[in-house]
């Protein structure tokens, strides 16, 4: 959130070249000069004002610069709060892949979840496509595993996201889209039976 004192009362934008009027009000230089060409008064106090009585506000300019740097640093530190890409989420467990496998049809699953389903006899077909599934055709996807690891390292996101298999719906521009609900993992690791 932008501090109010960093905003020009004329443009409502963050000040880039702040100037101080003799009445103690700060404006964006270009905006107040434009105003004075037409009005010759202070926009706030309505008292007579000419460009001659405007002085650069270097102190405020430095404060704004520091605030922008601090905000940028904070945003970079918050990158760890980024939710994982949907392609990193197993459709069976709703959790981020730890050991992704790929079927011959190109579908990704968590290794243990898929093995549990197949061995339990519940599925002899691909859970998503319904096509026959042979465990011999399922292989570890090392490329996806490496991409997940790189994403975790880049976002400093090791083991902080857990996904509930809970989809909601949002309406945007008259279209409905499903959204995956994400929650932070608790300190204790919970395992979910599939």
C-alpha atoms as a PDB file:
ATOM      1  CA  UNK A   1       0.000   0.000   0.000  1.00  0.00           C
ATOM      2  CA  UNK A   2       1.325   3.403  -0.979  1.00  0.00           C
ATOM      3  CA  UNK A   3       1.636   5.918   1.868  1.00  0.00           C
ATOM      4  CA  UNK A   4      -0.696   8.874   1.219  1.00  0.00           C
ATOM      5  CA  UNK A   5       2.139  11.408   1.511  1.00  0.00           C
ATOM      6  CA  UNK A   6       3.829   9.792  -1.526  1.00  0.00           C
ATOM      7  CA  UNK A   7       0.849  10.527  -3.796  1.00  0.00           C
ATOM      8  CA  UNK A   8       0.331  13.694  -5.811  1.00  0.00           C
ATOM      9  CA  UNK A   9      -3.065  15.229  -4.937  1.00  0.00           C
ATOM     10  CA  UNK A  10      -3.539  16.174  -8.609  1.00  0.00           C
ATOM     11  CA  UNK A  11      -2.599  12.936 -10.376  1.00  0.00           C
ATOM     12  CA  UNK A  12      -3.097  10.485  -7.492  1.00  0.00           C
ATOM     13  CA  UNK A  13       0.094   8.752  -8.690  1.00  0.00           C
ATOM     14  CA  UNK A  14       3.306   8.181  -6.764  1.00  0.00           C
ATOM     15  CA  UNK A  15       5.446  11.310  -6.946  1.00  0.00           C
ATOM     16  CA  UNK A  16       8.447  11.096  -9.281  1.00  0.00           C
ATOM     17  CA  UNK A  17       9.636  14.705  -9.140  1.00  0.00           C
ATOM     18  CA  UNK A  18       7.999  16.197  -6.030  1.00  0.00           C
ATOM     19  CA  UNK A  19       7.904  19.954  -5.530  1.00  0.00           C
ATOM     20  CA  UNK A  20       6.788  21.836  -2.433  1.00  0.00           C
ATOM     21  CA  UNK A  21       4.599  24.931  -2.676  1.00  0.00           C
ATOM     22  CA  UNK A  22       5.065  27.918  -0.373  1.00  0.00           C
ATOM     23  CA  UNK A  23       1.873  26.759   1.372  1.00  0.00           C
ATOM     24  CA  UNK A  24       3.422  23.419   2.358  1.00  0.00           C
ATOM     25  CA  UNK A  25       1.678  21.185  -0.189  1.00  0.00           C
ATOM     26  CA  UNK A  26       3.638  18.717  -2.335  1.00  0.00           C
ATOM     27  CA  UNK A  27       2.809  18.048  -5.992  1.00  0.00           C
ATOM     28  CA  UNK A  28       4.253  16.283  -9.009  1.00  0.00           C
ATOM     29  CA  UNK A  29       6.243  18.981 -10.839  1.00  0.00           C
ATOM     30  CA  UNK A  30       4.670  18.456 -14.273  1.00  0.00           C
ATOM     31  CA  UNK A  31       1.142  18.282 -12.827  1.00  0.00           C
ATOM     32  CA  UNK A  32       1.385  21.484 -10.779  1.00  0.00           C
ATOM     33  CA  UNK A  33       3.013  23.383 -13.657  1.00  0.00           C
ATOM     34  CA  UNK A  34       0.137  22.301 -15.921  1.00  0.00           C
ATOM     35  CA  UNK A  35      -2.348  23.388 -13.243  1.00  0.00           C
ATOM     36  CA  UNK A  36      -0.676  26.775 -12.782  1.00  0.00           C
ATOM     37  CA  UNK A  37      -0.820  27.511 -16.542  1.00  0.00           C
ATOM     38  CA  UNK A  38      -4.592  27.471 -16.254  1.00  0.00           C
ATOM     39  CA  UNK A  39      -5.391  28.547 -12.687  1.00  0.00           C
ATOM     40  CA  UNK A  40      -2.521  30.525 -11.049  1.00  0.00           C
ATOM     41  CA  UNK A  41      -3.648  29.337  -7.599  1.00  0.00           C
ATOM     42  CA  UNK A  42      -2.688  26.543  -5.222  1.00  0.00           C
ATOM     43  CA  UNK A  43      -5.103  23.653  -5.946  1.00  0.00           C
ATOM     44  CA  UNK A  44      -5.566  22.909  -2.243  1.00  0.00           C
ATOM     45  CA  UNK A  45      -5.488  26.301  -0.500  1.00  0.00           C
ATOM     46  CA  UNK A  46      -6.794  28.293  -3.523  1.00  0.00           C
ATOM     47  CA  UNK A  47      -4.302  31.052  -2.667  1.00  0.00           C
ATOM     48  CA  UNK A  48      -2.263  32.735  -5.419  1.00  0.00           C
ATOM     49  CA  UNK A  49       0.730  30.674  -6.536  1.00  0.00           C
ATOM     50  CA  UNK A  50       3.317  30.962  -9.300  1.00  0.00           C
ATOM     51  CA  UNK A  51       5.982  28.461 -10.428  1.00  0.00           C
ATOM     52  CA  UNK A  52       8.593  30.728  -8.846  1.00  0.00           C
ATOM     53  CA  UNK A  53       7.397  29.596  -5.389  1.00  0.00           C
ATOM     54  CA  UNK A  54       7.872  25.877  -6.030  1.00  0.00           C
ATOM     55  CA  UNK A  55      10.974  24.144  -4.667  1.00  0.00           C
ATOM     56  CA  UNK A  56      12.188  20.582  -5.232  1.00  0.00           C
ATOM     57  CA  UNK A  57      11.415  18.274  -2.325  1.00  0.00           C
ATOM     58  CA  UNK A  58      14.597  16.161  -2.346  1.00  0.00           C
ATOM     59  CA  UNK A  59      13.903  14.703   1.092  1.00  0.00           C
ATOM     60  CA  UNK A  60      10.542  13.274   0.015  1.00  0.00           C
ATOM     61  CA  UNK A  61      12.043  12.020  -3.253  1.00  0.00           C
ATOM     62  CA  UNK A  62      14.639  10.039  -1.249  1.00  0.00           C
ATOM     63  CA  UNK A  63      11.937   8.655   1.070  1.00  0.00           C
ATOM     64  CA  UNK A  64       9.933   7.470  -1.947  1.00  0.00           C
ATOM     65  CA  UNK A  65      13.028   5.885  -3.476  1.00  0.00           C
ATOM     66  CA  UNK A  66      13.735   4.032  -0.198  1.00  0.00           C
ATOM     67  CA  UNK A  67      10.093   2.932   0.066  1.00  0.00           C
ATOM     68  CA  UNK A  68      10.192   1.558  -3.509  1.00  0.00           C
ATOM     69  CA  UNK A  69      13.394  -0.375  -2.773  1.00  0.00           C
ATOM     70  CA  UNK A  70      11.985  -1.755   0.481  1.00  0.00           C
ATOM     71  CA  UNK A  71       8.752  -2.761  -1.276  1.00  0.00           C
ATOM     72  CA  UNK A  72      10.657  -4.497  -4.068  1.00  0.00           C
ATOM     73  CA  UNK A  73      12.793  -6.392  -1.553  1.00  0.00           C
ATOM     74  CA  UNK A  74       9.690  -7.436   0.381  1.00  0.00           C
ATOM     75  CA  UNK A  75       8.049  -8.664  -2.840  1.00  0.00           C
ATOM     76  CA  UNK A  76      11.154 -10.719  -3.671  1.00  0.00           C
ATOM     77  CA  UNK A  77      11.135 -12.254  -0.194  1.00  0.00           C
ATOM     78  CA  UNK A  78       7.459 -13.140  -0.552  1.00  0.00           C
ATOM     79  CA  UNK A  79       8.112 -15.178  -3.696  1.00  0.00           C
ATOM     80  CA  UNK A  80       8.277 -18.225  -1.429  1.00  0.00           C
ATOM     81  CA  UNK A  81       4.531 -17.819  -0.962  1.00  0.00           C
ATOM     82  CA  UNK A  82       3.865 -18.644  -4.609  1.00  0.00           C
ATOM     83  CA  UNK A  83       1.610 -21.644  -5.091  1.00  0.00           C
ATOM     84  CA  UNK A  84       3.042 -24.473  -7.189  1.00  0.00           C
ATOM     85  CA  UNK A  85       2.071 -24.706 -10.852  1.00  0.00           C
ATOM     86  CA  UNK A  86      -0.887 -27.018 -11.400  1.00  0.00           C
ATOM     87  CA  UNK A  87       1.287 -29.366 -13.476  1.00  0.00           C
ATOM     88  CA  UNK A  88       3.242 -30.139 -10.265  1.00  0.00           C
ATOM     89  CA  UNK A  89       0.087 -31.453  -8.531  1.00  0.00           C
ATOM     90  CA  UNK A  90      -0.899 -35.128  -8.692  1.00  0.00           C
ATOM     91  CA  UNK A  91      -4.527 -35.485  -9.842  1.00  0.00           C
ATOM     92  CA  UNK A  92      -4.991 -38.517  -7.564  1.00  0.00           C
ATOM     93  CA  UNK A  93      -3.716 -37.116  -4.284  1.00  0.00           C
ATOM     94  CA  UNK A  94      -4.095 -33.379  -4.823  1.00  0.00           C
ATOM     95  CA  UNK A  95      -0.550 -32.970  -3.471  1.00  0.00           C
ATOM     96  CA  UNK A  96       2.650 -31.771  -5.065  1.00  0.00           C
ATOM     97  CA  UNK A  97       4.610 -34.583  -6.699  1.00  0.00           C
ATOM     98  CA  UNK A  98       7.474 -36.108  -4.752  1.00  0.00           C
ATOM     99  CA  UNK A  99       8.121 -39.056  -7.097  1.00  0.00           C
ATOM    100  CA  UNK A 100       6.270 -38.348 -10.355  1.00  0.00           C
ATOM    101  CA  UNK A 101       5.740 -41.117 -12.868  1.00  0.00           C
ATOM    102  CA  UNK A 102       4.490 -40.807 -16.416  1.00  0.00           C
ATOM    103  CA  UNK A 103       2.259 -43.221 -18.315  1.00  0.00           C
ATOM    104  CA  UNK A 104       2.683 -44.001 -21.998  1.00  0.00           C
ATOM    105  CA  UNK A 105      -0.246 -41.615 -22.628  1.00  0.00           C
ATOM    106  CA  UNK A 106       1.748 -38.789 -21.038  1.00  0.00           C
ATOM    107  CA  UNK A 107      -0.270 -38.561 -17.804  1.00  0.00           C
ATOM    108  CA  UNK A 108       1.568 -37.822 -14.570  1.00  0.00           C
ATOM    109  CA  UNK A 109       0.812 -39.411 -11.198  1.00  0.00           C
ATOM    110  CA  UNK A 110       2.481 -39.760  -7.827  1.00  0.00           C
ATOM    111  CA  UNK A 111       4.262 -43.134  -7.893  1.00  0.00           C
ATOM    112  CA  UNK A 112       2.921 -44.523  -4.606  1.00  0.00           C
ATOM    113  CA  UNK A 113      -0.643 -43.342  -5.237  1.00  0.00           C
ATOM    114  CA  UNK A 114      -0.790 -44.980  -8.660  1.00  0.00           C
ATOM    115  CA  UNK A 115       0.802 -48.205  -7.420  1.00  0.00           C
ATOM    116  CA  UNK A 116      -1.664 -48.380  -4.519  1.00  0.00           C
ATOM    117  CA  UNK A 117      -4.634 -47.999  -6.845  1.00  0.00           C
ATOM    118  CA  UNK A 118      -3.402 -50.597  -9.317  1.00  0.00           C
ATOM    119  CA  UNK A 119      -2.360 -53.118  -6.652  1.00  0.00           C
ATOM    120  CA  UNK A 120      -5.646 -52.740  -4.785  1.00  0.00           C
ATOM    121  CA  UNK A 121      -7.409 -53.914  -7.914  1.00  0.00           C
ATOM    122  CA  UNK A 122      -9.502 -50.755  -8.072  1.00  0.00           C
ATOM    123  CA  UNK A 123      -7.928 -49.722 -11.337  1.00  0.00           C
ATOM    124  CA  UNK A 124      -6.539 -51.707 -14.202  1.00  0.00           C
ATOM    125  CA  UNK A 125      -7.001 -48.638 -16.362  1.00  0.00           C
ATOM    126  CA  UNK A 126      -5.548 -45.156 -16.293  1.00  0.00           C
ATOM    127  CA  UNK A 127      -7.639 -43.278 -13.674  1.00  0.00           C
ATOM    128  CA  UNK A 128      -7.909 -40.203 -15.887  1.00  0.00           C
ATOM    129  CA  UNK A 129      -8.265 -41.620 -19.408  1.00  0.00           C
ATOM    130  CA  UNK A 130      -9.835 -45.018 -18.736  1.00  0.00           C
ATOM    131  CA  UNK A 131      -7.379 -46.662 -21.131  1.00  0.00           C
ATOM    132  CA  UNK A 132      -5.746 -49.961 -20.099  1.00  0.00           C
ATOM    133  CA  UNK A 133      -2.762 -49.380 -17.845  1.00  0.00           C
ATOM    134  CA  UNK A 134       0.297 -51.557 -17.650  1.00  0.00           C
ATOM    135  CA  UNK A 135       2.652 -50.922 -14.749  1.00  0.00           C
ATOM    136  CA  UNK A 136       5.562 -51.890 -16.989  1.00  0.00           C
ATOM    137  CA  UNK A 137       4.812 -48.836 -19.145  1.00  0.00           C
ATOM    138  CA  UNK A 138       4.932 -46.446 -16.162  1.00  0.00           C
ATOM    139  CA  UNK A 139       8.327 -44.788 -15.661  1.00  0.00           C
ATOM    140  CA  UNK A 140       9.757 -42.174 -13.315  1.00  0.00           C
ATOM    141  CA  UNK A 141       9.671 -38.720 -14.904  1.00  0.00           C
ATOM    142  CA  UNK A 142      13.074 -37.344 -13.965  1.00  0.00           C
ATOM    143  CA  UNK A 143      12.559 -34.203 -16.062  1.00  0.00           C
ATOM    144  CA  UNK A 144       9.440 -33.245 -14.117  1.00  0.00           C
ATOM    145  CA  UNK A 145      11.174 -34.135 -10.852  1.00  0.00           C
ATOM    146  CA  UNK A 146      14.072 -31.813 -11.781  1.00  0.00           C
ATOM    147  CA  UNK A 147      11.680 -28.997 -12.751  1.00  0.00           C
ATOM    148  CA  UNK A 148       9.875 -29.326  -9.421  1.00  0.00           C
ATOM    149  CA  UNK A 149      13.179 -29.238  -7.553  1.00  0.00           C
ATOM    150  CA  UNK A 150      14.311 -26.158  -9.498  1.00  0.00           C
ATOM    151  CA  UNK A 151      10.986 -24.454  -8.764  1.00  0.00           C
ATOM    152  CA  UNK A 152      11.314 -25.273  -5.060  1.00  0.00           C
ATOM    153  CA  UNK A 153      14.835 -23.873  -4.953  1.00  0.00           C
ATOM    154  CA  UNK A 154      13.957 -20.764  -6.964  1.00  0.00           C
ATOM    155  CA  UNK A 155      10.938 -19.942  -4.829  1.00  0.00           C
ATOM    156  CA  UNK A 156      12.503 -21.183  -1.594  1.00  0.00           C
ATOM    157  CA  UNK A 157       9.392 -23.331  -1.417  1.00  0.00           C
ATOM    158  CA  UNK A 158      10.630 -26.605   0.039  1.00  0.00           C
ATOM    159  CA  UNK A 159       7.770 -28.481   1.658  1.00  0.00           C
ATOM    160  CA  UNK A 160       5.595 -25.517   2.551  1.00  0.00           C
ATOM    161  CA  UNK A 161       2.607 -26.113   0.290  1.00  0.00           C
ATOM    162  CA  UNK A 162       0.011 -28.769   0.727  1.00  0.00           C
ATOM    163  CA  UNK A 163      -3.002 -29.044  -1.485  1.00  0.00           C
ATOM    164  CA  UNK A 164      -6.388 -30.098  -0.338  1.00  0.00           C
ATOM    165  CA  UNK A 165      -8.299 -31.984  -2.938  1.00  0.00           C
ATOM    166  CA  UNK A 166     -10.776 -29.245  -2.787  1.00  0.00           C
ATOM    167  CA  UNK A 167     -11.761 -27.436  -5.928  1.00  0.00           C
ATOM    168  CA  UNK A 168     -13.876 -24.342  -5.944  1.00  0.00           C
ATOM    169  CA  UNK A 169     -15.387 -22.331  -8.734  1.00  0.00           C
ATOM    170  CA  UNK A 170     -14.803 -18.705  -9.591  1.00  0.00           C
ATOM    171  CA  UNK A 171     -16.682 -16.618 -12.100  1.00  0.00           C
ATOM    172  CA  UNK A 172     -14.636 -14.253 -14.233  1.00  0.00           C
ATOM    173  CA  UNK A 173     -15.881 -12.504 -17.349  1.00  0.00           C
ATOM    174  CA  UNK A 174     -19.032 -14.681 -17.350  1.00  0.00           C
ATOM    175  CA  UNK A 175     -16.994 -17.905 -17.436  1.00  0.00           C
ATOM    176  CA  UNK A 176     -16.569 -20.349 -14.589  1.00  0.00           C
ATOM    177  CA  UNK A 177     -13.148 -21.803 -13.815  1.00  0.00           C
ATOM    178  CA  UNK A 178     -12.133 -24.407 -11.285  1.00  0.00           C
ATOM    179  CA  UNK A 179      -9.515 -23.389  -8.761  1.00  0.00           C
ATOM    180  CA  UNK A 180      -7.321 -25.553  -6.583  1.00  0.00           C
ATOM    181  CA  UNK A 181      -7.333 -24.570  -2.916  1.00  0.00           C
ATOM    182  CA  UNK A 182      -3.867 -24.475  -1.361  1.00  0.00           C
ATOM    183  CA  UNK A 183      -2.935 -24.417   2.299  1.00  0.00           C
ATOM    184  CA  UNK A 184       0.360 -24.202   4.123  1.00  0.00           C
ATOM    185  CA  UNK A 185       1.644 -27.470   5.529  1.00  0.00           C
ATOM    186  CA  UNK A 186       1.591 -27.847   9.261  1.00  0.00           C
ATOM    187  CA  UNK A 187       4.802 -28.631  11.122  1.00  0.00           C
ATOM    188  CA  UNK A 188       3.812 -32.276  11.290  1.00  0.00           C
ATOM    189  CA  UNK A 189       3.722 -34.172   8.061  1.00  0.00           C
ATOM    190  CA  UNK A 190       0.383 -35.766   7.391  1.00  0.00           C
ATOM    191  CA  UNK A 191       0.070 -38.692   5.074  1.00  0.00           C
ATOM    192  CA  UNK A 192      -3.072 -39.279   3.152  1.00  0.00           C
ATOM    193  CA  UNK A 193      -4.276 -42.753   2.298  1.00  0.00           C
ATOM    194  CA  UNK A 194      -5.429 -43.142  -1.230  1.00  0.00           C
END
